[in-house]
Amino acid sequence: MLKNFTLIFVFLFSFQKIYSQNIYKRATTQMGVSFVFSVEAENEEQGEKYLDFAQEEVKRIEDVISSWRSDTETGKVNQMAGIKAVPVSKELFGLIKRSIRVSKLTNGYFDISFASLDKVWFFDRKMTEIPDSITVQKSVSKIDFHNIILDEEKQTVFLKEKGMKIGFGAIGKGYAAESVKRKLQKLGVKSGLINASGDLTCWGKHPVHKKWQIAIANPKDDENALGWFPLENSSVVTSGNYEKFIVLDGKKYSHIIDPKTGWPVESLQSVTIFCPNAELADALATSVFVMGKNKGIELINKLKGIECLILDNQGEIFTSKDLKLQEKN
């Protein structure tokens, strides 16, 4: 369940001019994506210190949750799939436990065992034909969060089936953004914004506008945003299909795959989730995208303090019942 991370932009008019002198910014590439840290500090020395802490925190998280490396906790859990349970840290155990909770909430449309998917769709190179239906069906045979067995007392994780894998592509960047925010808050940083490749969270007051002005970009019209809203002590995440896709026999296939069927999702262009917590917003964004407009909005309308904006393939916008957008200031 890969995600598009380029849909959300922070519009602060003239970005460099509008920041007061006590806001410091750093852009890095970590976890395979771009991170931008913006923090308030009394002086440059303190600001650089905070930015170092932020960067180090993302590296620490990657050393725990990366599923591509055999030396991480997650990598060791995957290596022992179908063999034995693996003791893990309280941090990873908690993340997996929360992920399973979201799987139950979304009826399996979010599932960290999606990493078990057999690769039959390729979006980083040319495909010449559509996979046959039997191959596609088999590709998702090991995806099932019910087969992730947690032992609370021993703090272990066991993947029941050989070949199973867990991965945090649809929740990891939101988790990292939240973790960085918490660490900086504990260090005394009064305000800031973390942009984990579009998984965005902020705290405190913007030095000029008090609230951060966020625009949801229109994939077909860069000049006109889909909507604006003020962000204060909250998070926003977008999942979209229009940057990573293939075209076969004249038909477009998105990189966002339905974990239940193995087929690319077709009906939507993007889903944006507004939520107090970036980790949860990250997980819900892809979930709602896969669920589709009706089921997705129905779910979000049941969740307190969470809203969504959906753009379908016809360019129509749909929102949850309490979402309030505004015109550009």
C-alpha atoms as a PDB file:
ATOM      1  CA  MET A   1       0.000   0.000   0.000  1.00  0.00           C
ATOM      2  CA  LEU A   2       2.338   2.627  -1.225  1.00  0.00           C
ATOM      3  CA  LYS A   3       1.374   6.261  -0.988  1.00  0.00           C
ATOM      4  CA  ASN A   4       1.787   9.463  -2.967  1.00  0.00           C
ATOM      5  CA  PHE A   5       3.511  12.088  -0.874  1.00  0.00           C
ATOM      6  CA  THR A   6       3.411  15.165  -3.067  1.00  0.00           C
ATOM      7  CA  LEU A   7      -0.192  16.293  -2.798  1.00  0.00           C
ATOM      8  CA  ILE A   8      -0.019  18.531   0.249  1.00  0.00           C
ATOM      9  CA  PHE A   9       1.797  21.831   0.214  1.00  0.00           C
ATOM     10  CA  VAL A  10       2.236  24.427   2.919  1.00  0.00           C
ATOM     11  CA  PHE A  11       1.375  27.809   1.421  1.00  0.00           C
ATOM     12  CA  LEU A  12       2.993  30.545   3.479  1.00  0.00           C
ATOM     13  CA  PHE A  13       3.104  33.036   0.611  1.00  0.00           C
ATOM     14  CA  SER A  14       6.780  34.096   0.427  1.00  0.00           C
ATOM     15  CA  PHE A  15       8.104  31.239   2.549  1.00  0.00           C
ATOM     16  CA  GLN A  16      11.564  32.625   3.269  1.00  0.00           C
ATOM     17  CA  LYS A  17      10.371  36.186   3.938  1.00  0.00           C
ATOM     18  CA  ILE A  18       7.435  35.356   6.142  1.00  0.00           C
ATOM     19  CA  TYR A  19       9.340  33.287   8.672  1.00  0.00           C
ATOM     20  CA  SER A  20      10.657  35.267  11.602  1.00  0.00           C
ATOM     21  CA  GLN A  21      14.334  34.940  12.396  1.00  0.00           C
ATOM     22  CA  ASN A  22      13.719  32.331  15.069  1.00  0.00           C
ATOM     23  CA  ILE A  23      12.320  29.675  12.686  1.00  0.00           C
ATOM     24  CA  TYR A  24      14.910  27.249  11.316  1.00  0.00           C
ATOM     25  CA  LYS A  25      14.399  24.731   8.550  1.00  0.00           C
ATOM     26  CA  ARG A  26      16.188  21.648   7.194  1.00  0.00           C
ATOM     27  CA  ALA A  27      15.372  19.303   4.309  1.00  0.00           C
ATOM     28  CA  THR A  28      16.743  15.756   4.309  1.00  0.00           C
ATOM     29  CA  THR A  29      16.193  12.449   2.542  1.00  0.00           C
ATOM     30  CA  GLN A  30      15.507   9.615   4.971  1.00  0.00           C
ATOM     31  CA  MET A  31      13.453   6.419   4.929  1.00  0.00           C
ATOM     32  CA  GLY A  32      13.664   6.716   1.150  1.00  0.00           C
ATOM     33  CA  VAL A  33      11.645   9.951   1.045  1.00  0.00           C
ATOM     34  CA  SER A  34      12.042  13.652   1.740  1.00  0.00           C
ATOM     35  CA  PHE A  35      11.613  15.175   5.188  1.00  0.00           C
ATOM     36  CA  VAL A  36      11.397  18.883   5.958  1.00  0.00           C
ATOM     37  CA  PHE A  37      11.765  20.004   9.576  1.00  0.00           C
ATOM     38  CA  SER A  38      10.804  23.528  10.622  1.00  0.00           C
ATOM     39  CA  VAL A  39      11.337  24.558  14.251  1.00  0.00           C
ATOM     40  CA  GLU A  40      11.215  27.654  16.391  1.00  0.00           C
ATOM     41  CA  ALA A  41      14.359  28.442  18.374  1.00  0.00           C
ATOM     42  CA  GLU A  42      15.994  31.370  20.158  1.00  0.00           C
ATOM     43  CA  ASN A  43      19.040  31.422  17.903  1.00  0.00           C
ATOM     44  CA  GLU A  44      20.737  29.554  15.069  1.00  0.00           C
ATOM     45  CA  GLU A  45      22.851  27.387  17.354  1.00  0.00           C
ATOM     46  CA  GLN A  46      19.799  26.162  19.238  1.00  0.00           C
ATOM     47  CA  GLY A  47      17.851  25.748  15.999  1.00  0.00           C
ATOM     48  CA  GLU A  48      20.560  23.573  14.465  1.00  0.00           C
ATOM     49  CA  LYS A  49      20.657  21.494  17.625  1.00  0.00           C
ATOM     50  CA  TYR A  50      16.911  20.856  17.403  1.00  0.00           C
ATOM     51  CA  LEU A  51      17.187  19.979  13.713  1.00  0.00           C
ATOM     52  CA  ASP A  52      19.974  17.514  14.480  1.00  0.00           C
ATOM     53  CA  PHE A  53      17.717  15.856  17.053  1.00  0.00           C
ATOM     54  CA  ALA A  54      14.901  15.628  14.500  1.00  0.00           C
ATOM     55  CA  GLN A  55      17.126  14.035  11.875  1.00  0.00           C
ATOM     56  CA  GLU A  56      18.600  11.583  14.381  1.00  0.00           C
ATOM     57  CA  GLU A  57      15.116  10.553  15.511  1.00  0.00           C
ATOM     58  CA  VAL A  58      14.061   9.612  11.981  1.00  0.00           C
ATOM     59  CA  LYS A  59      17.252   7.560  11.586  1.00  0.00           C
ATOM     60  CA  ARG A  60      16.542   5.788  14.880  1.00  0.00           C
ATOM     61  CA  ILE A  61      13.006   4.946  13.777  1.00  0.00           C
ATOM     62  CA  GLU A  62      14.214   3.630  10.431  1.00  0.00           C
ATOM     63  CA  ASP A  63      16.604   1.332  12.302  1.00  0.00           C
ATOM     64  CA  VAL A  64      13.566  -0.194  14.013  1.00  0.00           C
ATOM     65  CA  ILE A  65      10.831  -0.369  11.380  1.00  0.00           C
ATOM     66  CA  SER A  66      12.614  -0.830   8.045  1.00  0.00           C
ATOM     67  CA  SER A  67      11.420  -4.042   6.391  1.00  0.00           C
ATOM     68  CA  TRP A  68      14.060  -3.836   3.658  1.00  0.00           C
ATOM     69  CA  ARG A  69      16.953  -4.540   6.024  1.00  0.00           C
ATOM     70  CA  SER A  70      17.686  -7.826   7.751  1.00  0.00           C
ATOM     71  CA  ASP A  71      19.313  -6.154  10.775  1.00  0.00           C
ATOM     72  CA  THR A  72      16.225  -4.270  11.987  1.00  0.00           C
ATOM     73  CA  GLU A  73      13.646  -5.603  14.440  1.00  0.00           C
ATOM     74  CA  THR A  74      11.068  -5.713  11.668  1.00  0.00           C
ATOM     75  CA  GLY A  75      13.488  -7.537   9.376  1.00  0.00           C
ATOM     76  CA  LYS A  76      14.093 -10.186  12.034  1.00  0.00           C
ATOM     77  CA  VAL A  77      10.350 -10.695  12.536  1.00  0.00           C
ATOM     78  CA  ASN A  78       9.965 -11.253   8.789  1.00  0.00           C
ATOM     79  CA  GLN A  79      12.894 -13.682   8.650  1.00  0.00           C
ATOM     80  CA  MET A  80      11.273 -15.849  11.337  1.00  0.00           C
ATOM     81  CA  ALA A  81       7.846 -15.960   9.645  1.00  0.00           C
ATOM     82  CA  GLY A  82       6.314 -19.416  10.036  1.00  0.00           C
ATOM     83  CA  ILE A  83       9.210 -20.464  12.275  1.00  0.00           C
ATOM     84  CA  LYS A  84       9.069 -18.797  15.677  1.00  0.00           C
ATOM     85  CA  ALA A  85       8.031 -15.731  17.618  1.00  0.00           C
ATOM     86  CA  VAL A  86      10.513 -12.869  17.897  1.00  0.00           C
ATOM     87  CA  PRO A  87      10.976 -10.623  20.965  1.00  0.00           C
ATOM     88  CA  VAL A  88      10.707  -6.952  20.009  1.00  0.00           C
ATOM     89  CA  SER A  89      10.964  -3.580  21.687  1.00  0.00           C
ATOM     90  CA  LYS A  90       8.005  -1.953  23.392  1.00  0.00           C
ATOM     91  CA  GLU A  91       8.046   0.652  20.623  1.00  0.00           C
ATOM     92  CA  LEU A  92       7.674  -1.813  17.733  1.00  0.00           C
ATOM     93  CA  PHE A  93       5.196  -3.957  19.651  1.00  0.00           C
ATOM     94  CA  GLY A  94       3.027  -0.897  20.229  1.00  0.00           C
ATOM     95  CA  LEU A  95       3.184   0.174  16.586  1.00  0.00           C
ATOM     96  CA  ILE A  96       2.166  -3.294  15.398  1.00  0.00           C
ATOM     97  CA  LYS A  97      -0.622  -3.446  17.961  1.00  0.00           C
ATOM     98  CA  ARG A  98      -2.002  -0.081  16.831  1.00  0.00           C
ATOM     99  CA  SER A  99      -1.707  -1.170  13.201  1.00  0.00           C
ATOM    100  CA  ILE A 100      -3.807  -4.247  13.888  1.00  0.00           C
ATOM    101  CA  ARG A 101      -6.361  -2.031  15.610  1.00  0.00           C
ATOM    102  CA  VAL A 102      -6.644   0.041  12.410  1.00  0.00           C
ATOM    103  CA  SER A 103      -6.949  -3.184  10.394  1.00  0.00           C
ATOM    104  CA  LYS A 104      -9.940  -4.160  12.495  1.00  0.00           C
ATOM    105  CA  LEU A 105     -11.411  -0.662  12.196  1.00  0.00           C
ATOM    106  CA  THR A 106     -11.125  -0.724   8.380  1.00  0.00           C
ATOM    107  CA  ASN A 107     -12.093  -4.380   7.954  1.00  0.00           C
ATOM    108  CA  GLY A 108      -8.653  -5.227   6.576  1.00  0.00           C
ATOM    109  CA  TYR A 109      -8.369  -2.443   4.000  1.00  0.00           C
ATOM    110  CA  PHE A 110      -5.342  -1.367   6.021  1.00  0.00           C
ATOM    111  CA  ASP A 111      -2.991  -4.270   6.703  1.00  0.00           C
ATOM    112  CA  ILE A 112       0.738  -4.149   7.495  1.00  0.00           C
ATOM    113  CA  SER A 113       1.057  -7.729   6.209  1.00  0.00           C
ATOM    114  CA  PHE A 114       0.527  -6.139   2.781  1.00  0.00           C
ATOM    115  CA  ALA A 115       4.325  -6.457   2.590  1.00  0.00           C
ATOM    116  CA  SER A 116       3.621 -10.156   1.839  1.00  0.00           C
ATOM    117  CA  LEU A 117       2.232  -9.173  -1.570  1.00  0.00           C
ATOM    118  CA  ASP A 118       3.779 -11.080  -4.445  1.00  0.00           C
ATOM    119  CA  LYS A 119       4.965  -8.500  -6.931  1.00  0.00           C
ATOM    120  CA  VAL A 120       2.966  -8.853 -10.127  1.00  0.00           C
ATOM    121  CA  TRP A 121       2.479  -5.141 -10.810  1.00  0.00           C
ATOM    122  CA  PHE A 122       5.524  -2.996 -11.599  1.00  0.00           C
ATOM    123  CA  PHE A 123       5.329   0.784 -11.572  1.00  0.00           C
ATOM    124  CA  ASP A 124       9.039   1.529 -11.789  1.00  0.00           C
ATOM    125  CA  ARG A 125       9.487  -0.112 -15.172  1.00  0.00           C
ATOM    126  CA  LYS A 126       7.473  -0.798 -18.291  1.00  0.00           C
ATOM    127  CA  MET A 127       4.880  -3.574 -18.208  1.00  0.00           C
ATOM    128  CA  THR A 128       3.774  -5.089 -21.504  1.00  0.00           C
ATOM    129  CA  GLU A 129       0.715  -7.045 -20.367  1.00  0.00           C
ATOM    130  CA  ILE A 130      -1.826  -7.254 -17.571  1.00  0.00           C
ATOM    131  CA  PRO A 131      -1.239 -10.109 -15.086  1.00  0.00           C
ATOM    132  CA  ASP A 132      -3.790 -12.896 -15.363  1.00  0.00           C
ATOM    133  CA  SER A 133      -6.510 -13.063 -12.718  1.00  0.00           C
ATOM    134  CA  ILE A 134      -5.228 -16.258 -11.084  1.00  0.00           C
ATOM    135  CA  THR A 135      -1.759 -14.768 -10.605  1.00  0.00           C
ATOM    136  CA  VAL A 136      -3.250 -11.595  -9.171  1.00  0.00           C
ATOM    137  CA  GLN A 137      -5.441 -13.574  -6.779  1.00  0.00           C
ATOM    138  CA  LYS A 138      -2.466 -15.640  -5.567  1.00  0.00           C
ATOM    139  CA  SER A 139      -0.410 -12.484  -5.030  1.00  0.00           C
ATOM    140  CA  VAL A 140      -2.444 -11.515  -1.948  1.00  0.00           C
ATOM    141  CA  SER A 141      -2.775 -15.014  -0.457  1.00  0.00           C
ATOM    142  CA  LYS A 142      -0.446 -14.307   2.483  1.00  0.00           C
ATOM    143  CA  ILE A 143      -1.955 -10.932   3.390  1.00  0.00           C
ATOM    144  CA  ASP A 144      -3.984 -11.358   6.587  1.00  0.00           C
ATOM    145  CA  PHE A 145      -3.499  -9.337   9.757  1.00  0.00           C
ATOM    146  CA  HIS A 146      -5.203 -12.130  11.732  1.00  0.00           C
ATOM    147  CA  ASN A 147      -2.010 -14.146  11.229  1.00  0.00           C
ATOM    148  CA  ILE A 148       0.090 -11.581  13.091  1.00  0.00           C
ATOM    149  CA  ILE A 149       0.221 -13.085  16.574  1.00  0.00           C
ATOM    150  CA  LEU A 150       1.158 -10.830  19.480  1.00  0.00           C
ATOM    151  CA  ASP A 151       2.112 -12.110  22.927  1.00  0.00           C
ATOM    152  CA  GLU A 152       1.597  -9.265  25.401  1.00  0.00           C
ATOM    153  CA  GLU A 153       3.339 -11.001  28.296  1.00  0.00           C
ATOM    154  CA  LYS A 154       6.461 -12.017  26.366  1.00  0.00           C
ATOM    155  CA  GLN A 155       6.295  -9.009  24.034  1.00  0.00           C
ATOM    156  CA  THR A 156       6.840 -11.153  20.952  1.00  0.00           C
ATOM    157  CA  VAL A 157       5.572 -11.085  17.373  1.00  0.00           C
ATOM    158  CA  PHE A 158       4.919 -14.212  15.306  1.00  0.00           C
ATOM    159  CA  LEU A 159       3.902 -14.344  11.663  1.00  0.00           C
ATOM    160  CA  LYS A 160       2.031 -17.628  11.285  1.00  0.00           C
ATOM    161  CA  GLU A 161       2.664 -18.279   7.596  1.00  0.00           C
ATOM    162  CA  LYS A 162       6.013 -18.777   5.903  1.00  0.00           C
ATOM    163  CA  GLY A 163       6.545 -16.037   3.363  1.00  0.00           C
ATOM    164  CA  MET A 164       4.549 -13.512   5.387  1.00  0.00           C
ATOM    165  CA  LYS A 165       6.048 -10.080   5.899  1.00  0.00           C
ATOM    166  CA  ILE A 166       5.048  -6.924   7.690  1.00  0.00           C
ATOM    167  CA  GLY A 167       5.934  -3.428   6.507  1.00  0.00           C
ATOM    168  CA  PHE A 168       5.046   0.110   7.491  1.00  0.00           C
ATOM    169  CA  GLY A 169       4.836   1.872   4.131  1.00  0.00           C
ATOM    170  CA  ALA A 170       1.311   3.103   4.872  1.00  0.00           C
ATOM    171  CA  ILE A 171       1.923   4.220   8.444  1.00  0.00           C
ATOM    172  CA  GLY A 172       5.675   4.578   9.004  1.00  0.00           C
ATOM    173  CA  LYS A 173       6.151   8.151   7.832  1.00  0.00           C
ATOM    174  CA  GLY A 174       3.216   9.372   9.871  1.00  0.00           C
ATOM    175  CA  TYR A 175       4.657   7.535  12.855  1.00  0.00           C
ATOM    176  CA  ALA A 176       8.047   9.140  12.264  1.00  0.00           C
ATOM    177  CA  ALA A 177       6.518  12.620  12.019  1.00  0.00           C
ATOM    178  CA  GLU A 178       4.655  12.130  15.303  1.00  0.00           C
ATOM    179  CA  SER A 179       7.771  10.761  17.018  1.00  0.00           C
ATOM    180  CA  VAL A 180       9.883  13.719  15.892  1.00  0.00           C
ATOM    181  CA  LYS A 181       7.196  16.130  17.072  1.00  0.00           C
ATOM    182  CA  ARG A 182       7.026  14.516  20.513  1.00  0.00           C
ATOM    183  CA  LYS A 183      10.804  14.534  20.895  1.00  0.00           C
ATOM    184  CA  LEU A 184      11.084  18.204  19.949  1.00  0.00           C
ATOM    185  CA  GLN A 185       8.239  19.124  22.276  1.00  0.00           C
ATOM    186  CA  LYS A 186      10.032  17.366  25.149  1.00  0.00           C
ATOM    187  CA  LEU A 187      13.150  19.364  24.293  1.00  0.00           C
ATOM    188  CA  GLY A 188      11.120  22.544  24.708  1.00  0.00           C
ATOM    189  CA  VAL A 189      10.513  23.505  21.075  1.00  0.00           C
ATOM    190  CA  LYS A 190       7.512  25.845  21.201  1.00  0.00           C
ATOM    191  CA  SER A 191       6.311  25.454  17.627  1.00  0.00           C
ATOM    192  CA  GLY A 192       7.173  23.687  14.419  1.00  0.00           C
ATOM    193  CA  LEU A 193       6.060  21.717  11.425  1.00  0.00           C
ATOM    194  CA  ILE A 194       7.213  18.281  10.287  1.00  0.00           C
ATOM    195  CA  ASN A 195       6.613  17.330   6.660  1.00  0.00           C
ATOM    196  CA  ALA A 196       7.401  13.657   6.087  1.00  0.00           C
ATOM    197  CA  SER A 197       6.911  13.671   2.324  1.00  0.00           C
ATOM    198  CA  GLY A 198       3.357  14.920   2.665  1.00  0.00           C
ATOM    199  CA  ASP A 199       2.586  13.362   6.032  1.00  0.00           C
ATOM    200  CA  LEU A 200       2.359  16.663   7.812  1.00  0.00           C
ATOM    201  CA  THR A 201       2.009  17.557  11.475  1.00  0.00           C
ATOM    202  CA  CYS A 202       2.431  20.830  13.367  1.00  0.00           C
ATOM    203  CA  TRP A 203       2.281  22.229  16.882  1.00  0.00           C
ATOM    204  CA  GLY A 204       2.336  25.641  18.492  1.00  0.00           C
ATOM    205  CA  LYS A 205       1.573  28.953  16.803  1.00  0.00           C
ATOM    206  CA  HIS A 206       2.844  30.000  13.407  1.00  0.00           C
ATOM    207  CA  PRO A 207       5.035  33.086  14.040  1.00  0.00           C
ATOM    208  CA  VAL A 208       3.003  35.320  11.700  1.00  0.00           C
ATOM    209  CA  HIS A 209      -0.365  33.725  10.893  1.00  0.00           C
ATOM    210  CA  LYS A 210      -0.813  31.909  14.223  1.00  0.00           C
ATOM    211  CA  LYS A 211      -2.267  28.977  12.262  1.00  0.00           C
ATOM    212  CA  TRP A 212      -0.500  27.210   9.422  1.00  0.00           C
ATOM    213  CA  GLN A 213      -2.304  27.758   6.107  1.00  0.00           C
ATOM    214  CA  ILE A 214      -2.534  24.479   4.197  1.00  0.00           C
ATOM    215  CA  ALA A 215      -3.663  23.986   0.615  1.00  0.00           C
ATOM    216  CA  ILE A 216      -4.766  20.726  -0.949  1.00  0.00           C
ATOM    217  CA  ALA A 217      -3.244  20.716  -4.411  1.00  0.00           C
ATOM    218  CA  ASN A 218      -5.295  19.967  -7.493  1.00  0.00           C
ATOM    219  CA  PRO A 219      -3.556  17.225  -9.525  1.00  0.00           C
ATOM    220  CA  LYS A 220      -4.848  18.699 -12.798  1.00  0.00           C
ATOM    221  CA  ASP A 221      -4.437  22.388 -11.999  1.00  0.00           C
ATOM    222  CA  ASP A 222      -1.402  23.565 -10.048  1.00  0.00           C
ATOM    223  CA  GLU A 223      -2.710  27.122  -9.934  1.00  0.00           C
ATOM    224  CA  ASN A 224      -5.983  26.350  -8.161  1.00  0.00           C
ATOM    225  CA  ALA A 225      -6.026  24.404  -4.925  1.00  0.00           C
ATOM    226  CA  LEU A 226      -8.898  22.078  -4.112  1.00  0.00           C
ATOM    227  CA  GLY A 227      -9.342  23.834  -0.808  1.00  0.00           C
ATOM    228  CA  TRP A 228      -7.640  25.724   2.019  1.00  0.00           C
ATOM    229  CA  PHE A 229      -7.816  25.293   5.747  1.00  0.00           C
ATOM    230  CA  PRO A 230      -5.918  26.433   8.844  1.00  0.00           C
ATOM    231  CA  LEU A 231      -3.894  23.778  10.643  1.00  0.00           C
ATOM    232  CA  GLU A 232      -3.184  24.135  14.351  1.00  0.00           C
ATOM    233  CA  ASN A 233      -1.780  21.391  16.574  1.00  0.00           C
ATOM    234  CA  SER A 234      -2.979  18.813  14.084  1.00  0.00           C
ATOM    235  CA  SER A 235      -1.991  16.652  11.112  1.00  0.00           C
ATOM    236  CA  VAL A 236      -2.934  16.082   7.483  1.00  0.00           C
ATOM    237  CA  VAL A 237      -2.001  13.270   5.088  1.00  0.00           C
ATOM    238  CA  THR A 238      -2.879  12.642   1.427  1.00  0.00           C
ATOM    239  CA  SER A 239      -2.862   9.408  -0.554  1.00  0.00           C
ATOM    240  CA  GLY A 240      -3.056   9.775  -4.339  1.00  0.00           C
ATOM    241  CA  ASN A 241      -2.684   7.816  -7.558  1.00  0.00           C
ATOM    242  CA  TYR A 242      -1.662  10.270 -10.244  1.00  0.00           C
ATOM    243  CA  GLU A 243       2.135  10.309 -10.032  1.00  0.00           C
ATOM    244  CA  LYS A 244       2.844   6.595  -9.983  1.00  0.00           C
ATOM    245  CA  PHE A 245       0.889   4.476 -12.446  1.00  0.00           C
ATOM    246  CA  ILE A 246       1.087   2.480 -15.656  1.00  0.00           C
ATOM    247  CA  VAL A 247      -1.049   2.490 -18.792  1.00  0.00           C
ATOM    248  CA  LEU A 248      -1.845  -0.834 -20.480  1.00  0.00           C
ATOM    249  CA  ASP A 249      -4.134  -1.149 -23.499  1.00  0.00           C
ATOM    250  CA  GLY A 250      -5.164   2.454 -22.998  1.00  0.00           C
ATOM    251  CA  LYS A 251      -6.218   1.959 -19.376  1.00  0.00           C
ATOM    252  CA  LYS A 252      -4.559   3.574 -16.366  1.00  0.00           C
ATOM    253  CA  TYR A 253      -3.595   1.366 -13.401  1.00  0.00           C
ATOM    254  CA  SER A 254      -2.770   3.000 -10.069  1.00  0.00           C
ATOM    255  CA  HIS A 255       0.082   1.906  -7.806  1.00  0.00           C
ATOM    256  CA  ILE A 256      -2.368   1.666  -4.891  1.00  0.00           C
ATOM    257  CA  ILE A 257      -3.375  -1.986  -4.653  1.00  0.00           C
ATOM    258  CA  ASP A 258      -6.450  -3.415  -2.946  1.00  0.00           C
ATOM    259  CA  PRO A 259      -5.042  -5.890  -0.380  1.00  0.00           C
ATOM    260  CA  LYS A 260      -8.150  -8.039  -0.681  1.00  0.00           C
ATOM    261  CA  THR A 261      -8.068  -8.509  -4.466  1.00  0.00           C
ATOM    262  CA  GLY A 262      -4.566  -7.652  -5.681  1.00  0.00           C
ATOM    263  CA  TRP A 263      -5.966  -5.276  -8.323  1.00  0.00           C
ATOM    264  CA  PRO A 264      -5.140  -1.547  -8.534  1.00  0.00           C
ATOM    265  CA  VAL A 265      -7.791   0.790  -7.159  1.00  0.00           C
ATOM    266  CA  GLU A 266      -9.540   2.693  -9.962  1.00  0.00           C
ATOM    267  CA  SER A 267     -12.251   5.049  -8.731  1.00  0.00           C
ATOM    268  CA  LEU A 268     -10.384   7.863  -6.953  1.00  0.00           C
ATOM    269  CA  GLN A 269      -7.556  10.335  -7.554  1.00  0.00           C
ATOM    270  CA  SER A 270      -6.775  11.305  -3.973  1.00  0.00           C
ATOM    271  CA  VAL A 271      -7.862  11.089  -0.353  1.00  0.00           C
ATOM    272  CA  THR A 272      -6.809  13.616   2.284  1.00  0.00           C
ATOM    273  CA  ILE A 273      -7.253  12.886   5.971  1.00  0.00           C
ATOM    274  CA  PHE A 274      -7.324  15.583   8.675  1.00  0.00           C
ATOM    275  CA  CYS A 275      -6.571  14.183  12.091  1.00  0.00           C
ATOM    276  CA  PRO A 276      -4.905  15.145  15.395  1.00  0.00           C
ATOM    277  CA  ASN A 277      -2.365  12.335  14.889  1.00  0.00           C
ATOM    278  CA  ALA A 278      -0.232  11.883  11.739  1.00  0.00           C
ATOM    279  CA  GLU A 279       0.250   8.168  12.328  1.00  0.00           C
ATOM    280  CA  LEU A 280      -3.472   7.486  12.300  1.00  0.00           C
ATOM    281  CA  ALA A 281      -4.024   9.896   9.398  1.00  0.00           C
ATOM    282  CA  ASP A 282      -1.362   8.051   7.407  1.00  0.00           C
ATOM    283  CA  ALA A 283      -3.053   4.691   7.944  1.00  0.00           C
ATOM    284  CA  LEU A 284      -6.536   6.011   7.200  1.00  0.00           C
ATOM    285  CA  ALA A 285      -5.577   7.838   3.999  1.00  0.00           C
ATOM    286  CA  THR A 286      -4.716   4.678   2.091  1.00  0.00           C
ATOM    287  CA  SER A 287      -7.519   2.734   3.770  1.00  0.00           C
ATOM    288  CA  VAL A 288     -10.184   5.185   2.620  1.00  0.00           C
ATOM    289  CA  PHE A 289      -8.651   5.311  -0.865  1.00  0.00           C
ATOM    290  CA  VAL A 290      -9.005   1.540  -1.177  1.00  0.00           C
ATOM    291  CA  MET A 291     -12.439   1.437   0.461  1.00  0.00           C
ATOM    292  CA  GLY A 292     -13.800   3.965  -2.005  1.00  0.00           C
ATOM    293  CA  LYS A 293     -15.876   7.110  -1.613  1.00  0.00           C
ATOM    294  CA  ASN A 294     -19.034   5.784   0.015  1.00  0.00           C
ATOM    295  CA  LYS A 295     -17.516   3.313   2.468  1.00  0.00           C
ATOM    296  CA  GLY A 296     -14.644   5.677   3.198  1.00  0.00           C
ATOM    297  CA  ILE A 297     -16.798   8.671   4.075  1.00  0.00           C
ATOM    298  CA  GLU A 298     -19.127   6.448   6.079  1.00  0.00           C
ATOM    299  CA  LEU A 299     -16.160   5.296   8.168  1.00  0.00           C
ATOM    300  CA  ILE A 300     -14.705   8.774   8.694  1.00  0.00           C
ATOM    301  CA  ASN A 301     -18.090  10.191   9.698  1.00  0.00           C
ATOM    302  CA  LYS A 302     -18.090   7.716  12.593  1.00  0.00           C
ATOM    303  CA  LEU A 303     -14.690   8.845  13.904  1.00  0.00           C
ATOM    304  CA  LYS A 304     -14.588  11.816  16.248  1.00  0.00           C
ATOM    305  CA  GLY A 305     -12.168  14.585  15.337  1.00  0.00           C
ATOM    306  CA  ILE A 306     -11.248  13.109  11.947  1.00  0.00           C
ATOM    307  CA  GLU A 307     -12.299  14.463   8.545  1.00  0.00           C
ATOM    308  CA  CYS A 308     -11.556  13.659   4.911  1.00  0.00           C
ATOM    309  CA  LEU A 309     -11.588  15.171   1.448  1.00  0.00           C
ATOM    310  CA  ILE A 310     -11.929  12.873  -1.573  1.00  0.00           C
ATOM    311  CA  LEU A 311     -11.272  13.673  -5.231  1.00  0.00           C
ATOM    312  CA  ASP A 312     -12.749  11.118  -7.615  1.00  0.00           C
ATOM    313  CA  ASN A 313     -11.674  10.308 -11.177  1.00  0.00           C
ATOM    314  CA  GLN A 314     -14.229  12.748 -12.608  1.00  0.00           C
ATOM    315  CA  GLY A 315     -12.714  15.604 -10.613  1.00  0.00           C
ATOM    316  CA  GLU A 316     -15.608  15.861  -8.160  1.00  0.00           C
ATOM    317  CA  ILE A 317     -14.853  16.682  -4.539  1.00  0.00           C
ATOM    318  CA  PHE A 318     -16.545  14.901  -1.637  1.00  0.00           C
ATOM    319  CA  THR A 319     -15.994  15.568   2.055  1.00  0.00           C
ATOM    320  CA  SER A 320     -16.938  14.149   5.405  1.00  0.00           C
ATOM    321  CA  LYS A 321     -19.814  15.885   7.131  1.00  0.00           C
ATOM    322  CA  ASP A 322     -17.908  18.356   9.325  1.00  0.00           C
ATOM    323  CA  LEU A 323     -15.007  19.374   7.074  1.00  0.00           C
ATOM    324  CA  LYS A 324     -14.815  23.143   6.578  1.00  0.00           C
ATOM    325  CA  LEU A 325     -12.663  24.492   3.738  1.00  0.00           C
ATOM    326  CA  GLN A 326     -12.006  28.154   3.094  1.00  0.00           C
ATOM    327  CA  GLU A 327     -10.962  30.541   0.357  1.00  0.00           C
ATOM    328  CA  LYS A 328      -7.341  31.582   0.114  1.00  0.00           C
ATOM    329  CA  ASN A 329      -6.574  34.519   2.409  1.00  0.00           C
END
